[in-house]
Structure formats: C-alpha cells, structure tokens
C-alpha cells in the first residue's frame, strides 16, 4: 500500500554533528531502524559558507528521501530535518532515534498525511521535558498558509 507521510523537524541541539562521517552514519542507522531501504547514498558535505556553516546530508530511500542541514556555529545548534516516504512511518520511533543522536533542547515537528492534500496527522513541541500538541490530528493546513496569494498575502507587487 502506498502512503504519503512527510515529517518535518526543527530542533535546537547541544551537540550538532559536524563531520560528513557522522551524517552518513546517522542516516544509515535511521533508515535501518525505521525499516526502509537505501537506493543511493547517503551523501554528506560540510558547508563552509558564512551564515550557513554546517553539515548537509541526504539519502535516497526506496520510498523517497531523507535530508537535513545542521547549523553548528550557533549555540544551541539548529537542525532542519525532512523525511518523506510513500511507505508507512512509525513517528515515535523516528523521533526517538533523532533524539538519541542529538542532545535536543527544543524540538518542533509536524507529520503531514499528503494522501489527500496537506493534512496534519500529528504535530508537537518538546522543550525541557514539556510536550504539547500544536495541531489536532486531522486538521487541514489552512489554504492561506499553503498559497501566499490568498488571505491578503501577495506574492508579487503588481497589484
């Protein structure tokens, strides 16, 4: 059966990884633990551009991809993480592995069910041991958040 699960994570961490080897090891471990299959990669590279320094990594999986970027110059470090799969996904297992690898201070996540549009399946925030849900399960993302030309937000200045 085909699913369309899209997990986005934004986390502040005390120990951001900063080597290509660490990024590759993490992605291999994650893919194995969540019962997915690598088709290419993982690939990782340290970006040394001012204001964007940090590790970028990606792996192509049989059901799509996993990618992240870590900014390690700031304290705490910042990670933006993206996992998309057309297969099933155990959210709690994936988040548990993520937290296992990093000393997470704050973590925000949203899991979209993209089968019938962008429907929030689950979302939450964890900070200093506190967890709360941001969105009730099954809430559709409001159209004005998906389309900047709706609700007074204009994408161009021609109007």
C-alpha atoms as a PDB file:
ATOM      1  CA  UNK A   1       0.000   0.000   0.000  1.00  0.00           C
ATOM      2  CA  UNK A   2       1.226   3.499  -0.804  1.00  0.00           C
ATOM      3  CA  UNK A   3       1.124   6.177   1.889  1.00  0.00           C
ATOM      4  CA  UNK A   4       2.329   9.757   1.703  1.00  0.00           C
ATOM      5  CA  UNK A   5       3.930  10.716   5.033  1.00  0.00           C
ATOM      6  CA  UNK A   6       6.042  13.844   5.338  1.00  0.00           C
ATOM      7  CA  UNK A   7       7.850  14.528   8.606  1.00  0.00           C
ATOM      8  CA  UNK A   8       9.441  17.926   9.203  1.00  0.00           C
ATOM      9  CA  UNK A   9      11.545  18.569  12.299  1.00  0.00           C
ATOM     10  CA  UNK A  10      13.089  21.796  13.562  1.00  0.00           C
ATOM     11  CA  UNK A  11      15.320  21.203  16.585  1.00  0.00           C
ATOM     12  CA  UNK A  12      17.766  23.071  18.776  1.00  0.00           C
ATOM     13  CA  UNK A  13      20.545  20.748  19.934  1.00  0.00           C
ATOM     14  CA  UNK A  14      23.532  20.938  22.238  1.00  0.00           C
ATOM     15  CA  UNK A  15      25.754  18.601  20.213  1.00  0.00           C
ATOM     16  CA  UNK A  16      25.280  19.186  16.481  1.00  0.00           C
ATOM     17  CA  UNK A  17      27.198  16.777  14.278  1.00  0.00           C
ATOM     18  CA  UNK A  18      29.819  18.450  12.142  1.00  0.00           C
ATOM     19  CA  UNK A  19      31.520  15.748  10.106  1.00  0.00           C
ATOM     20  CA  UNK A  20      30.430  14.014   6.933  1.00  0.00           C
ATOM     21  CA  UNK A  21      31.083  10.644   8.566  1.00  0.00           C
ATOM     22  CA  UNK A  22      28.678  11.447  11.428  1.00  0.00           C
ATOM     23  CA  UNK A  23      25.930  12.496   8.994  1.00  0.00           C
ATOM     24  CA  UNK A  24      26.322   9.353   6.897  1.00  0.00           C
ATOM     25  CA  UNK A  25      26.374   7.109   9.979  1.00  0.00           C
ATOM     26  CA  UNK A  26      23.214   8.754  11.350  1.00  0.00           C
ATOM     27  CA  UNK A  27      21.293   8.368   8.075  1.00  0.00           C
ATOM     28  CA  UNK A  28      22.308   4.719   7.642  1.00  0.00           C
ATOM     29  CA  UNK A  29      21.261   3.939  11.208  1.00  0.00           C
ATOM     30  CA  UNK A  30      17.962   5.814  10.884  1.00  0.00           C
ATOM     31  CA  UNK A  31      16.992   4.160   7.593  1.00  0.00           C
ATOM     32  CA  UNK A  32      17.780   0.716   9.009  1.00  0.00           C
ATOM     33  CA  UNK A  33      15.861   1.312  12.244  1.00  0.00           C
ATOM     34  CA  UNK A  34      12.703   2.595  10.535  1.00  0.00           C
ATOM     35  CA  UNK A  35      12.670  -0.397   8.153  1.00  0.00           C
ATOM     36  CA  UNK A  36      13.354   1.486   4.944  1.00  0.00           C
ATOM     37  CA  UNK A  37      15.790   0.717   2.149  1.00  0.00           C
ATOM     38  CA  UNK A  38      18.612   2.878   0.787  1.00  0.00           C
ATOM     39  CA  UNK A  39      18.792   3.171  -3.000  1.00  0.00           C
ATOM     40  CA  UNK A  40      21.541   5.872  -3.214  1.00  0.00           C
ATOM     41  CA  UNK A  41      23.783   7.491  -0.664  1.00  0.00           C
ATOM     42  CA  UNK A  42      23.867   8.658   1.979  1.00  0.00           C
ATOM     43  CA  UNK A  43      25.757  11.743   0.887  1.00  0.00           C
ATOM     44  CA  UNK A  44      27.020  14.449   3.226  1.00  0.00           C
ATOM     45  CA  UNK A  45      29.064  17.585   2.916  1.00  0.00           C
ATOM     46  CA  UNK A  46      30.173  20.288   5.289  1.00  0.00           C
ATOM     47  CA  UNK A  47      29.131  23.731   4.054  1.00  0.00           C
ATOM     48  CA  UNK A  48      31.619  26.460   4.930  1.00  0.00           C
ATOM     49  CA  UNK A  49      29.626  29.448   3.649  1.00  0.00           C
ATOM     50  CA  UNK A  50      29.346  32.371   6.056  1.00  0.00           C
ATOM     51  CA  UNK A  51      25.952  32.329   7.780  1.00  0.00           C
ATOM     52  CA  UNK A  52      25.194  28.810   6.561  1.00  0.00           C
ATOM     53  CA  UNK A  53      28.059  26.799   8.042  1.00  0.00           C
ATOM     54  CA  UNK A  54      27.139  23.290   8.918  1.00  0.00           C
ATOM     55  CA  UNK A  55      26.510  19.771   7.733  1.00  0.00           C
ATOM     56  CA  UNK A  56      24.107  18.924   4.912  1.00  0.00           C
ATOM     57  CA  UNK A  57      23.179  15.311   4.249  1.00  0.00           C
ATOM     58  CA  UNK A  58      20.715  13.384   2.136  1.00  0.00           C
ATOM     59  CA  UNK A  59      19.837   9.786   1.408  1.00  0.00           C
ATOM     60  CA  UNK A  60      17.531   8.455  -1.278  1.00  0.00           C
ATOM     61  CA  UNK A  61      15.312   5.711   0.031  1.00  0.00           C
ATOM     62  CA  UNK A  62      13.178   3.274  -1.898  1.00  0.00           C
ATOM     63  CA  UNK A  63      10.089   5.274  -0.939  1.00  0.00           C
ATOM     64  CA  UNK A  64      11.592   8.796  -1.386  1.00  0.00           C
ATOM     65  CA  UNK A  65      14.202  10.699   0.667  1.00  0.00           C
ATOM     66  CA  UNK A  66      15.596  11.952   3.970  1.00  0.00           C
ATOM     67  CA  UNK A  67      17.561  15.201   4.187  1.00  0.00           C
ATOM     68  CA  UNK A  68      18.830  17.616   6.811  1.00  0.00           C
ATOM     69  CA  UNK A  69      21.015  20.644   7.412  1.00  0.00           C
ATOM     70  CA  UNK A  70      22.678  21.468  10.713  1.00  0.00           C
ATOM     71  CA  UNK A  71      23.888  24.964  11.576  1.00  0.00           C
ATOM     72  CA  UNK A  72      26.671  24.393  14.102  1.00  0.00           C
ATOM     73  CA  UNK A  73      28.038  27.924  14.572  1.00  0.00           C
ATOM     74  CA  UNK A  74      25.186  28.912  16.844  1.00  0.00           C
ATOM     75  CA  UNK A  75      24.552  27.662  20.346  1.00  0.00           C
ATOM     76  CA  UNK A  76      22.438  25.669  20.565  1.00  0.00           C
ATOM     77  CA  UNK A  77      22.886  24.230  17.077  1.00  0.00           C
ATOM     78  CA  UNK A  78      19.913  24.178  14.741  1.00  0.00           C
ATOM     79  CA  UNK A  79      18.730  21.216  12.659  1.00  0.00           C
ATOM     80  CA  UNK A  80      16.116  21.279   9.909  1.00  0.00           C
ATOM     81  CA  UNK A  81      15.146  17.704   9.045  1.00  0.00           C
ATOM     82  CA  UNK A  82      12.893  16.370   6.274  1.00  0.00           C
ATOM     83  CA  UNK A  83      11.711  12.772   5.806  1.00  0.00           C
ATOM     84  CA  UNK A  84       9.266  11.962   3.018  1.00  0.00           C
ATOM     85  CA  UNK A  85       8.041   8.442   2.353  1.00  0.00           C
ATOM     86  CA  UNK A  86       5.372   6.747   0.310  1.00  0.00           C
ATOM     87  CA  UNK A  87       5.633   3.902   2.819  1.00  0.00           C
ATOM     88  CA  UNK A  88       4.450   3.606   6.391  1.00  0.00           C
ATOM     89  CA  UNK A  89       6.253   5.581   9.094  1.00  0.00           C
ATOM     90  CA  UNK A  90       6.421   5.000  12.834  1.00  0.00           C
ATOM     91  CA  UNK A  91       6.588   8.608  14.027  1.00  0.00           C
ATOM     92  CA  UNK A  92       7.565   7.847  17.612  1.00  0.00           C
ATOM     93  CA  UNK A  93      10.368   5.533  16.535  1.00  0.00           C
ATOM     94  CA  UNK A  94      11.740   8.087  14.045  1.00  0.00           C
ATOM     95  CA  UNK A  95      11.628  10.905  16.603  1.00  0.00           C
ATOM     96  CA  UNK A  96      13.165   8.652  19.264  1.00  0.00           C
ATOM     97  CA  UNK A  97      16.129   7.866  17.020  1.00  0.00           C
ATOM     98  CA  UNK A  98      16.506  11.553  16.180  1.00  0.00           C
ATOM     99  CA  UNK A  99      16.608  12.434  19.889  1.00  0.00           C
ATOM    100  CA  UNK A 100      19.001   9.528  20.562  1.00  0.00           C
ATOM    101  CA  UNK A 101      21.611  11.076  18.263  1.00  0.00           C
ATOM    102  CA  UNK A 102      21.338  14.670  19.458  1.00  0.00           C
ATOM    103  CA  UNK A 103      21.124  16.336  22.840  1.00  0.00           C
ATOM    104  CA  UNK A 104      17.809  18.001  21.982  1.00  0.00           C
ATOM    105  CA  UNK A 105      16.853  21.170  23.874  1.00  0.00           C
ATOM    106  CA  UNK A 106      13.790  22.008  21.818  1.00  0.00           C
ATOM    107  CA  UNK A 107      12.052  20.082  19.079  1.00  0.00           C
ATOM    108  CA  UNK A 108       9.094  21.046  16.902  1.00  0.00           C
ATOM    109  CA  UNK A 109       7.668  18.587  14.428  1.00  0.00           C
ATOM    110  CA  UNK A 110       4.769  18.131  12.079  1.00  0.00           C
ATOM    111  CA  UNK A 111       3.760  14.944  10.287  1.00  0.00           C
ATOM    112  CA  UNK A 112       1.675  15.559   7.191  1.00  0.00           C
ATOM    113  CA  UNK A 113      -0.519  12.966   5.560  1.00  0.00           C
ATOM    114  CA  UNK A 114      -0.187  14.103   1.942  1.00  0.00           C
ATOM    115  CA  UNK A 115      -2.520  11.480   0.500  1.00  0.00           C
ATOM    116  CA  UNK A 116      -5.429  13.931   0.211  1.00  0.00           C
ATOM    117  CA  UNK A 117      -3.676  17.287   0.409  1.00  0.00           C
ATOM    118  CA  UNK A 118      -1.633  18.564   3.316  1.00  0.00           C
ATOM    119  CA  UNK A 119      -3.444  17.159   6.332  1.00  0.00           C
ATOM    120  CA  UNK A 120      -1.685  17.427   9.675  1.00  0.00           C
ATOM    121  CA  UNK A 121      -1.627  13.937  11.086  1.00  0.00           C
ATOM    122  CA  UNK A 122       0.285  14.906  14.213  1.00  0.00           C
ATOM    123  CA  UNK A 123       2.359  17.830  15.425  1.00  0.00           C
ATOM    124  CA  UNK A 124       4.003  18.851  18.620  1.00  0.00           C
ATOM    125  CA  UNK A 125       6.657  20.699  20.535  1.00  0.00           C
ATOM    126  CA  UNK A 126       9.074  19.376  23.118  1.00  0.00           C
ATOM    127  CA  UNK A 127      11.167  21.693  25.234  1.00  0.00           C
ATOM    128  CA  UNK A 128      12.904  20.900  28.510  1.00  0.00           C
ATOM    129  CA  UNK A 129      10.790  17.800  29.040  1.00  0.00           C
ATOM    130  CA  UNK A 130       7.498  19.502  28.174  1.00  0.00           C
ATOM    131  CA  UNK A 131       5.386  18.230  25.304  1.00  0.00           C
ATOM    132  CA  UNK A 132       2.267  19.744  23.867  1.00  0.00           C
ATOM    133  CA  UNK A 133       0.367  19.246  20.659  1.00  0.00           C
ATOM    134  CA  UNK A 134       0.192  22.202  18.318  1.00  0.00           C
ATOM    135  CA  UNK A 135      -2.496  20.916  15.976  1.00  0.00           C
ATOM    136  CA  UNK A 136      -5.288  18.429  16.498  1.00  0.00           C
ATOM    137  CA  UNK A 137      -4.999  15.310  14.388  1.00  0.00           C
ATOM    138  CA  UNK A 138      -6.679  15.563  11.011  1.00  0.00           C
ATOM    139  CA  UNK A 139      -6.526  19.349  10.704  1.00  0.00           C
ATOM    140  CA  UNK A 140      -6.014  20.546   7.169  1.00  0.00           C
ATOM    141  CA  UNK A 141      -3.421  23.244   6.740  1.00  0.00           C
ATOM    142  CA  UNK A 142      -5.339  26.474   6.025  1.00  0.00           C
ATOM    143  CA  UNK A 143      -5.233  27.469   2.369  1.00  0.00           C
ATOM    144  CA  UNK A 144      -3.687  30.866   3.149  1.00  0.00           C
ATOM    145  CA  UNK A 145      -0.689  29.068   4.674  1.00  0.00           C
ATOM    146  CA  UNK A 146      -0.237  26.973   1.539  1.00  0.00           C
ATOM    147  CA  UNK A 147      -0.834  29.746  -1.000  1.00  0.00           C
ATOM    148  CA  UNK A 148       0.740  33.162  -0.347  1.00  0.00           C
ATOM    149  CA  UNK A 149      -1.675  34.787  -2.828  1.00  0.00           C
ATOM    150  CA  UNK A 150      -4.690  34.106  -0.585  1.00  0.00           C
ATOM    151  CA  UNK A 151      -5.739  35.983   2.530  1.00  0.00           C
ATOM    152  CA  UNK A 152      -4.013  39.281   1.887  1.00  0.00           C
ATOM    153  CA  UNK A 153      -0.531  37.891   1.367  1.00  0.00           C
ATOM    154  CA  UNK A 154       0.602  38.723  -2.134  1.00  0.00           C
ATOM    155  CA  UNK A 155       3.487  37.027  -3.872  1.00  0.00           C
ATOM    156  CA  UNK A 156       4.137  39.967  -6.187  1.00  0.00           C
ATOM    157  CA  UNK A 157       3.851  43.742  -6.138  1.00  0.00           C
ATOM    158  CA  UNK A 158       1.970  44.151  -9.426  1.00  0.00           C
ATOM    159  CA  UNK A 159      -1.380  44.698  -7.653  1.00  0.00           C
END
